[in-house]
Amino acid sequence: MPAQRSILDDHAQLAIKQTMEVRCEEYLDYMTFRANNRPLFTEIFGPIVGLKEEWAAQGASPEELDLSAFKYRRPQFGHIPVNTGWLGGQEEEILEETAEHIIARDRMGRRIKLCKGVATLPLPLEFPVRDMDDWLKIKHHYEFSEERFGQGWEQVAGEHVAAGRVVSVSIPGGFDEPRELLGDAELCIAYYTQPELVHDILDTLAETACQVLDRVSATVRIDQLSVHEDLAGKSGPLIGPKQMREFIVPYYRRIWDLLHSRGVELFSVDSDGDINPILPELVEAGVNVIMPNEPAAGMDIVQIRRQYGTKLAFVGGIDKHVLRRSHEEIVAELEYKIPPMVHSGGCLLGLDHRIPNGTPLENYRFYIRKVWEILDREAAKL
């Protein structure tokens, strides 16, 4: 019997080969501004849907398609197989597939839809929580149990340390996870109409994360705490400073205070869009790394560095859209971003998200060559 098709099978085709050029100790020193010996450069996510086919038609080699042909300077991240979020639920089931989309039922019981050719992740069509009664029915999926520790997690963690990888753990997003349960609009309304519901969700997430990560951090050295949020668009964040301080900051701080006391140095938040209005609250919560810093949404790493100094390190920050423009525009973007980041440190430079459709292969080749020309020139001045 053939294996069950997953809604993310097409997403897996976008995978790229990632090597390690920088060991953990150097990365930590660089991102905490203790040392600035050589700059860092990466490709965070790789191509968007369809770009590999475009490049293949333009004569790309297999090594160019998985990006192993290109030069980067980056660490490898080693994730510890423990679960701090949703646990259990039903197996994913594909309900409908057409040439344009896939509709499935996910582990939360939601119907979700993936639009083929344009999206890499599916979007929910419905949500399981409307009120406290709904939440209490599924709350057990977020509570602590021994099942949260993957088999051999201690051995895996030890292998990451021995290999020089950046040992990473993650927690559910303080906005992102409740949004998965209620939906964007209903969550934003619930901050005002059902604050006790939102607090109970976040208290449950925090309690479970602390129980899991207390054991992990007592057993192995953790280098980075990561959280995925995606709480903003071009017009700004979906949550304001007031809601950040009431709901998200206490959630983050409870977990970060535990891990920071155990020697964890980096706390990274991943969100697209313009998060400038809530950066003070993120810093207050302990966050010290921001990614991917989307220029099209106003996330200018040069300006943010001037404002926040060494309080925030960056991953990404180079405008992905410029790759579809002229060589002169590519050079202008790189000359604006790279020199100040090389001289201040604390920035793993790279595109601000996936390489977009319509990026000519020759433009990407030029981009890589030009990045290294500027990196090497500026590094010689350190």
Protein backbone atom coordinates (compact mmCIF):
# COMPACT_ATOMS: atom_id res chain seq x y z
CA MET A 1 0.00 0.00 0.00
CA PRO A 2 1.48 3.42 -0.95
CA ALA A 3 2.26 5.91 1.79
CA GLN A 4 -0.43 8.45 2.64
CA ARG A 5 0.15 11.70 0.74
CA SER A 6 0.69 14.74 2.97
CA ILE A 7 -0.45 18.26 2.26
CA LEU A 8 3.17 19.35 2.74
CA ASP A 9 4.72 16.91 0.25
CA ASP A 10 5.11 19.71 -2.31
CA HIS A 11 6.61 21.93 0.38
CA ALA A 12 9.29 19.31 1.01
CA GLN A 13 10.41 19.65 -2.61
CA LEU A 14 11.66 23.15 -1.76
CA ALA A 15 14.29 21.83 0.65
CA ILE A 16 17.85 23.10 0.23
CA LYS A 17 21.17 21.69 1.38
CA GLN A 18 22.55 23.56 4.38
CA THR A 19 26.15 23.11 5.50
CA MET A 20 27.94 24.37 8.58
CA GLU A 21 30.77 26.83 8.14
CA VAL A 22 30.64 28.37 11.63
CA ARG A 23 30.66 26.51 14.94
CA CYS A 24 28.30 27.38 17.75
CA GLU A 25 30.82 29.25 19.90
CA GLU A 26 31.71 31.67 17.11
CA TYR A 27 28.04 32.23 16.29
CA LEU A 28 27.15 32.99 19.91
CA ASP A 29 30.07 35.41 20.28
CA TYR A 30 29.06 37.16 17.04
CA MET A 31 25.33 37.41 17.73
CA THR A 32 25.88 38.66 21.29
CA PHE A 33 28.40 41.28 20.08
CA ARG A 34 31.28 39.80 22.10
CA ALA A 35 33.39 39.36 18.98
CA ASN A 36 33.31 40.55 15.38
CA ASN A 37 36.00 38.73 13.47
CA ARG A 38 34.29 37.63 10.24
CA PRO A 39 30.78 38.36 8.90
CA LEU A 40 28.03 35.77 8.47
CA PHE A 41 25.83 35.16 5.42
CA THR A 42 23.06 32.63 4.73
CA GLU A 43 20.01 31.71 2.73
CA ILE A 44 17.29 31.28 5.34
CA PHE A 45 14.52 29.39 3.55
CA GLY A 46 15.42 28.84 -0.11
CA PRO A 47 13.14 29.15 -3.18
CA ILE A 48 9.40 29.79 -3.27
CA VAL A 49 7.10 27.34 -5.09
CA GLY A 50 7.91 27.16 -8.79
CA LEU A 51 11.30 28.86 -8.76
CA LYS A 52 13.29 25.64 -9.05
CA GLU A 53 11.39 24.85 -12.25
CA GLU A 54 12.12 28.36 -13.56
CA TRP A 55 15.81 27.99 -12.82
CA ALA A 56 15.97 24.50 -14.33
CA ALA A 57 14.58 25.95 -17.56
CA GLN A 58 17.35 28.58 -17.41
CA GLY A 59 20.05 25.90 -17.22
CA ALA A 60 20.61 25.59 -13.49
CA SER A 61 22.77 22.72 -12.30
CA PRO A 62 21.44 20.31 -9.63
CA GLU A 63 23.80 22.01 -7.17
CA GLU A 64 22.33 25.40 -7.99
CA LEU A 65 18.81 24.08 -7.51
CA ASP A 66 19.57 22.90 -3.96
CA LEU A 67 21.81 25.98 -3.43
CA SER A 68 24.86 23.87 -2.55
CA ALA A 69 26.71 25.53 -5.47
CA PHE A 70 26.67 28.87 -3.67
CA LYS A 71 28.95 30.11 -0.91
CA TYR A 72 27.56 30.98 2.51
CA ARG A 73 29.01 31.36 5.98
CA ARG A 74 26.60 30.18 8.64
CA PRO A 75 26.05 27.84 11.57
CA GLN A 76 23.86 24.77 11.65
CA PHE A 77 20.98 24.65 14.10
CA GLY A 78 20.34 21.44 15.97
CA HIS A 79 16.80 21.16 17.32
CA ILE A 80 16.15 18.97 20.35
CA PRO A 81 13.21 16.61 19.73
CA VAL A 82 10.91 17.72 22.52
CA ASN A 83 7.39 19.12 22.10
CA THR A 84 6.16 22.23 23.91
CA GLY A 85 3.01 22.82 21.84
CA TRP A 86 0.02 20.83 20.57
CA LEU A 87 0.40 17.09 21.24
CA GLY A 88 -1.69 14.31 19.74
CA GLY A 89 -4.88 14.68 17.77
CA GLN A 90 -5.96 12.92 14.60
CA GLU A 91 -3.82 12.06 11.62
CA GLU A 92 -3.94 14.48 8.72
CA GLU A 93 -6.45 13.47 6.05
CA ILE A 94 -6.67 14.87 2.54
CA LEU A 95 -10.32 15.59 1.76
CA GLU A 96 -10.04 17.06 -1.74
CA GLU A 97 -7.32 17.70 -4.28
CA THR A 98 -7.59 19.63 -7.52
CA ALA A 99 -5.05 21.18 -9.87
CA GLU A 100 -5.38 24.43 -7.91
CA HIS A 101 -5.57 23.38 -4.26
CA ILE A 102 -5.57 20.72 -1.56
CA ILE A 103 -8.12 20.67 1.25
CA ALA A 104 -7.30 18.50 4.26
CA ARG A 105 -8.25 17.94 7.87
CA ASP A 106 -5.31 18.54 10.20
CA ARG A 107 -4.37 17.13 13.59
CA MET A 108 -6.47 19.80 15.33
CA GLY A 109 -9.53 18.67 13.39
CA ARG A 110 -9.58 21.83 11.28
CA ARG A 111 -10.21 21.92 7.55
CA ILE A 112 -7.19 23.57 5.94
CA LYS A 113 -6.47 24.68 2.38
CA LEU A 114 -3.19 24.85 0.47
CA CYS A 115 -3.21 26.81 -2.79
CA LYS A 116 -0.84 25.06 -5.17
CA GLY A 117 1.81 27.00 -7.01
CA VAL A 118 1.63 30.08 -4.79
CA ALA A 119 1.74 28.97 -1.15
CA THR A 120 4.08 26.83 0.93
CA LEU A 121 1.82 26.50 3.98
CA PRO A 122 -1.91 25.79 4.25
CA LEU A 123 -4.41 28.18 5.85
CA PRO A 124 -7.20 27.10 8.22
CA LEU A 125 -10.79 27.32 6.98
CA GLU A 126 -12.19 26.90 10.49
CA PHE A 127 -11.03 27.03 14.11
CA PRO A 128 -11.71 24.82 17.15
CA VAL A 129 -12.10 27.48 19.87
CA ARG A 130 -14.77 30.13 20.28
CA ASP A 131 -15.02 30.33 24.05
CA MET A 132 -13.74 28.85 27.31
CA ASP A 133 -15.88 25.70 26.96
CA ASP A 134 -14.32 24.92 23.57
CA TRP A 135 -10.83 25.54 24.96
CA LEU A 136 -11.37 23.23 27.94
CA LYS A 137 -12.31 20.40 25.57
CA ILE A 138 -8.91 20.52 23.84
CA LYS A 139 -6.73 21.92 26.64
CA HIS A 140 -5.29 18.45 27.35
CA HIS A 141 -3.43 18.63 24.03
CA TYR A 142 -1.28 21.39 25.55
CA GLU A 143 -0.76 20.02 29.05
CA PHE A 144 2.41 18.32 30.22
CA SER A 145 3.05 14.62 29.75
CA GLU A 146 6.09 12.40 29.34
CA GLU A 147 5.15 11.91 25.70
CA ARG A 148 6.58 15.37 25.05
CA PHE A 149 10.11 13.95 25.19
CA GLY A 150 11.09 12.32 21.92
CA GLN A 151 12.90 9.00 22.03
CA GLY A 152 16.63 9.49 22.50
CA TRP A 153 16.35 13.27 22.89
CA GLU A 154 19.31 13.40 25.26
CA GLN A 155 21.53 11.54 22.78
CA VAL A 156 20.41 13.82 19.95
CA ALA A 157 21.18 16.88 22.07
CA GLY A 158 24.63 15.53 22.89
CA GLU A 159 25.32 14.89 19.21
CA HIS A 160 24.39 18.49 18.38
CA VAL A 161 26.79 19.79 21.02
CA ALA A 162 29.61 17.51 19.90
CA ALA A 163 29.12 18.55 16.27
CA GLY A 164 29.30 22.26 17.10
CA ARG A 165 25.71 23.04 16.15
CA VAL A 166 23.62 25.78 17.74
CA VAL A 167 21.39 23.82 20.12
CA SER A 168 17.85 25.17 19.77
CA VAL A 169 14.49 24.67 21.45
CA SER A 170 11.19 26.27 20.51
CA ILE A 171 7.95 27.33 22.15
CA PRO A 172 4.53 28.08 20.66
CA GLY A 173 3.99 31.68 19.64
CA GLY A 174 2.23 33.84 22.21
CA PHE A 175 0.12 35.27 19.38
CA ASP A 176 0.57 32.55 16.78
CA GLU A 177 -0.72 29.60 18.82
CA PRO A 178 -3.91 31.26 20.13
CA ARG A 179 -4.46 32.49 16.56
CA GLU A 180 -4.32 28.86 15.38
CA LEU A 181 -7.10 28.08 17.85
CA LEU A 182 -9.37 31.11 17.44
CA GLY A 183 -8.38 32.77 14.16
CA ASP A 184 -6.84 36.22 13.73
CA ALA A 185 -9.99 38.31 14.08
CA GLU A 186 -11.50 36.35 16.95
CA LEU A 187 -8.24 36.42 18.91
CA CYS A 188 -7.93 40.17 18.51
CA ILE A 189 -11.51 40.56 19.76
CA ALA A 190 -10.91 38.10 22.60
CA TYR A 191 -8.20 40.34 24.07
CA TYR A 192 -11.10 42.64 25.02
CA THR A 193 -14.09 40.31 25.37
CA GLN A 194 -12.51 37.09 26.73
CA PRO A 195 -9.17 38.02 28.31
CA GLU A 196 -9.48 35.17 30.80
CA LEU A 197 -9.57 32.72 27.89
CA VAL A 198 -6.40 34.12 26.32
CA HIS A 199 -4.64 34.19 29.70
CA ASP A 200 -5.55 30.56 30.37
CA ILE A 201 -4.24 29.47 26.97
CA LEU A 202 -0.94 31.29 27.52
CA ASP A 203 -0.63 30.14 31.14
CA THR A 204 -1.06 26.55 29.97
CA LEU A 205 1.52 26.98 27.22
CA ALA A 206 3.98 28.55 29.65
CA GLU A 207 3.52 25.87 32.30
CA THR A 208 4.11 23.05 29.85
CA ALA A 209 7.08 24.76 28.19
CA CYS A 210 8.69 25.42 31.56
CA GLN A 211 8.26 21.81 32.69
CA VAL A 212 9.75 20.46 29.47
CA LEU A 213 12.57 22.97 29.15
CA ASP A 214 13.47 22.84 32.82
CA ARG A 215 14.43 19.19 32.35
CA VAL A 216 16.13 19.80 29.02
CA SER A 217 18.21 22.76 30.20
CA ALA A 218 19.28 20.84 33.31
CA THR A 219 20.58 18.05 31.07
CA VAL A 220 22.19 19.78 28.09
CA ARG A 221 23.47 23.22 27.14
CA ILE A 222 20.85 25.14 25.15
CA ASP A 223 22.03 28.03 22.97
CA GLN A 224 18.85 29.51 21.53
CA LEU A 225 15.16 29.76 22.34
CA SER A 226 13.07 30.26 19.18
CA VAL A 227 9.46 31.28 18.69
CA HIS A 228 7.45 31.63 15.48
CA GLU A 229 4.88 34.42 15.55
CA ASP A 230 4.09 35.94 12.11
CA LEU A 231 1.98 38.55 13.85
CA ALA A 232 2.34 41.46 11.42
CA GLY A 233 1.76 42.66 7.87
CA LYS A 234 2.99 45.63 5.89
CA SER A 235 0.66 47.97 7.79
CA GLY A 236 1.95 46.86 11.18
CA PRO A 237 1.39 44.24 13.88
CA LEU A 238 -1.98 42.65 14.64
CA ILE A 239 -1.34 43.19 18.34
CA GLY A 240 -0.47 46.50 19.98
CA PRO A 241 1.97 47.44 22.74
CA LYS A 242 -0.78 47.30 25.41
CA GLN A 243 -1.77 43.73 24.51
CA MET A 244 1.88 42.76 24.23
CA ARG A 245 2.55 43.93 27.77
CA GLU A 246 -0.58 42.28 29.18
CA PHE A 247 -0.46 38.93 27.39
CA ILE A 248 2.76 38.20 25.51
CA VAL A 249 5.51 39.74 27.64
CA PRO A 250 4.59 37.72 30.79
CA TYR A 251 4.38 34.52 28.72
CA TYR A 252 7.80 35.07 27.15
CA ARG A 253 9.44 36.23 30.36
CA ARG A 254 8.36 33.22 32.38
CA ILE A 255 10.10 30.88 29.96
CA TRP A 256 13.04 33.15 29.12
CA ASP A 257 13.87 33.86 32.76
CA LEU A 258 14.17 30.11 33.39
CA LEU A 259 16.34 29.46 30.36
CA HIS A 260 18.47 32.58 30.69
CA SER A 261 19.27 31.57 34.28
CA ARG A 262 20.57 28.27 32.80
CA GLY A 263 22.92 30.07 30.42
CA VAL A 264 20.81 30.35 27.26
CA GLU A 265 22.01 33.43 25.37
CA LEU A 266 19.77 33.94 22.34
CA PHE A 267 16.00 34.43 22.17
CA SER A 268 14.86 34.63 18.54
CA VAL A 269 11.46 35.74 17.25
CA ASP A 270 10.41 35.00 13.66
CA SER A 271 7.77 37.34 12.25
CA ASP A 272 7.17 38.76 8.82
CA GLY A 273 5.75 42.25 8.44
CA ASP A 274 6.34 45.51 10.30
CA ILE A 275 6.96 44.81 13.98
CA ASN A 276 8.63 48.16 14.69
CA PRO A 277 5.73 49.33 16.92
CA ILE A 278 6.21 46.41 19.33
CA LEU A 279 10.00 46.09 19.31
CA PRO A 280 10.27 47.80 22.74
CA GLU A 281 7.95 45.17 24.21
CA LEU A 282 9.86 42.33 22.56
CA VAL A 283 13.11 43.65 24.04
CA GLU A 284 11.38 43.94 27.42
CA ALA A 285 10.35 40.29 27.11
CA GLY A 286 13.97 39.20 26.59
CA VAL A 287 14.03 38.88 22.80
CA ASN A 288 17.47 39.69 21.37
CA VAL A 289 17.30 38.24 17.82
CA ILE A 290 14.77 39.29 15.16
CA MET A 291 14.17 37.51 11.84
CA PRO A 292 13.63 37.77 8.88
CA ASN A 293 13.38 41.63 8.89
CA GLU A 294 11.22 42.32 5.84
CA PRO A 295 12.29 45.57 4.10
CA ALA A 296 9.06 45.79 2.08
CA ALA A 297 7.24 46.13 5.41
CA GLY A 298 9.58 48.80 6.78
CA MET A 299 11.96 46.56 8.71
CA ASP A 300 15.21 48.38 7.88
CA ILE A 301 18.03 46.70 9.81
CA VAL A 302 20.31 49.73 9.35
CA GLN A 303 17.79 52.04 11.01
CA ILE A 304 16.84 49.50 13.71
CA ARG A 305 20.52 49.01 14.56
CA ARG A 306 20.91 52.77 14.98
CA GLN A 307 17.95 52.82 17.36
CA TYR A 308 18.55 49.64 19.37
CA GLY A 309 22.30 49.13 19.12
CA THR A 310 23.43 45.83 20.59
CA LYS A 311 20.05 45.07 22.15
CA LEU A 312 18.95 43.31 18.96
CA ALA A 313 20.77 41.00 16.57
CA PHE A 314 19.34 40.20 13.14
CA VAL A 315 18.87 37.32 10.73
CA GLY A 316 17.99 38.19 7.13
CA GLY A 317 17.31 41.83 6.29
CA ILE A 318 18.22 41.91 2.56
CA ASP A 319 15.28 42.74 0.29
CA LYS A 320 14.31 39.59 -1.61
CA HIS A 321 12.39 41.60 -4.21
CA VAL A 322 15.51 43.42 -5.40
CA LEU A 323 16.70 40.16 -6.97
CA ARG A 324 14.09 40.63 -9.71
CA ARG A 325 15.42 44.08 -10.57
CA SER A 326 18.58 45.38 -12.24
CA HIS A 327 22.14 44.64 -11.19
CA GLU A 328 22.51 48.29 -10.20
CA GLU A 329 19.56 48.03 -7.81
CA ILE A 330 20.96 44.83 -6.31
CA VAL A 331 24.29 46.57 -5.71
CA ALA A 332 22.57 49.59 -4.13
CA GLU A 333 20.69 47.36 -1.65
CA LEU A 334 23.83 45.45 -0.72
CA GLU A 335 26.00 48.55 -0.37
CA TYR A 336 23.40 50.07 1.95
CA LYS A 337 22.95 47.00 4.18
CA ILE A 338 26.22 45.08 4.26
CA PRO A 339 28.90 47.61 5.35
CA PRO A 340 27.13 48.80 8.54
CA MET A 341 26.24 45.23 9.50
CA VAL A 342 29.79 43.99 8.94
CA HIS A 343 31.20 46.75 11.12
CA SER A 344 28.65 46.46 13.92
CA GLY A 345 28.36 42.65 13.91
CA GLY A 346 25.39 40.78 15.30
CA CYS A 347 23.76 40.05 11.94
CA LEU A 348 23.45 36.80 10.02
CA LEU A 349 22.85 38.49 6.67
CA GLY A 350 20.50 36.93 4.14
CA LEU A 351 17.33 37.47 2.16
CA ASP A 352 14.30 38.41 4.22
CA HIS A 353 12.36 35.30 3.15
CA ARG A 354 12.13 32.81 0.29
CA ILE A 355 13.68 33.66 -3.07
CA PRO A 356 10.68 34.96 -5.06
CA ASN A 357 9.30 33.72 -8.36
CA GLY A 358 10.63 35.63 -11.33
CA THR A 359 14.15 35.87 -9.91
CA PRO A 360 16.48 35.21 -12.87
CA LEU A 361 19.12 32.61 -12.11
CA GLU A 362 21.80 34.98 -13.39
CA ASN A 363 20.60 37.63 -10.94
CA TYR A 364 20.98 35.21 -8.04
CA ARG A 365 24.45 34.25 -9.23
CA PHE A 366 25.32 37.95 -9.44
CA TYR A 367 23.84 38.57 -5.98
CA ILE A 368 26.02 35.90 -4.39
CA ARG A 369 29.16 37.17 -6.12
CA LYS A 370 28.45 40.76 -5.13
CA VAL A 371 27.64 39.87 -1.52
CA TRP A 372 31.04 38.26 -1.13
CA GLU A 373 32.84 41.08 -2.90
CA ILE A 374 31.38 43.56 -0.38
CA LEU A 375 31.71 41.24 2.61
CA ASP A 376 35.39 40.58 1.92
CA ARG A 377 36.09 44.26 1.23
CA GLU A 378 34.49 45.41 4.48
CA ALA A 379 35.84 42.54 6.56
CA ALA A 380 39.36 43.57 5.55
CA LYS A 381 38.74 46.87 7.33
CA LEU A 382 37.85 45.25 10.70
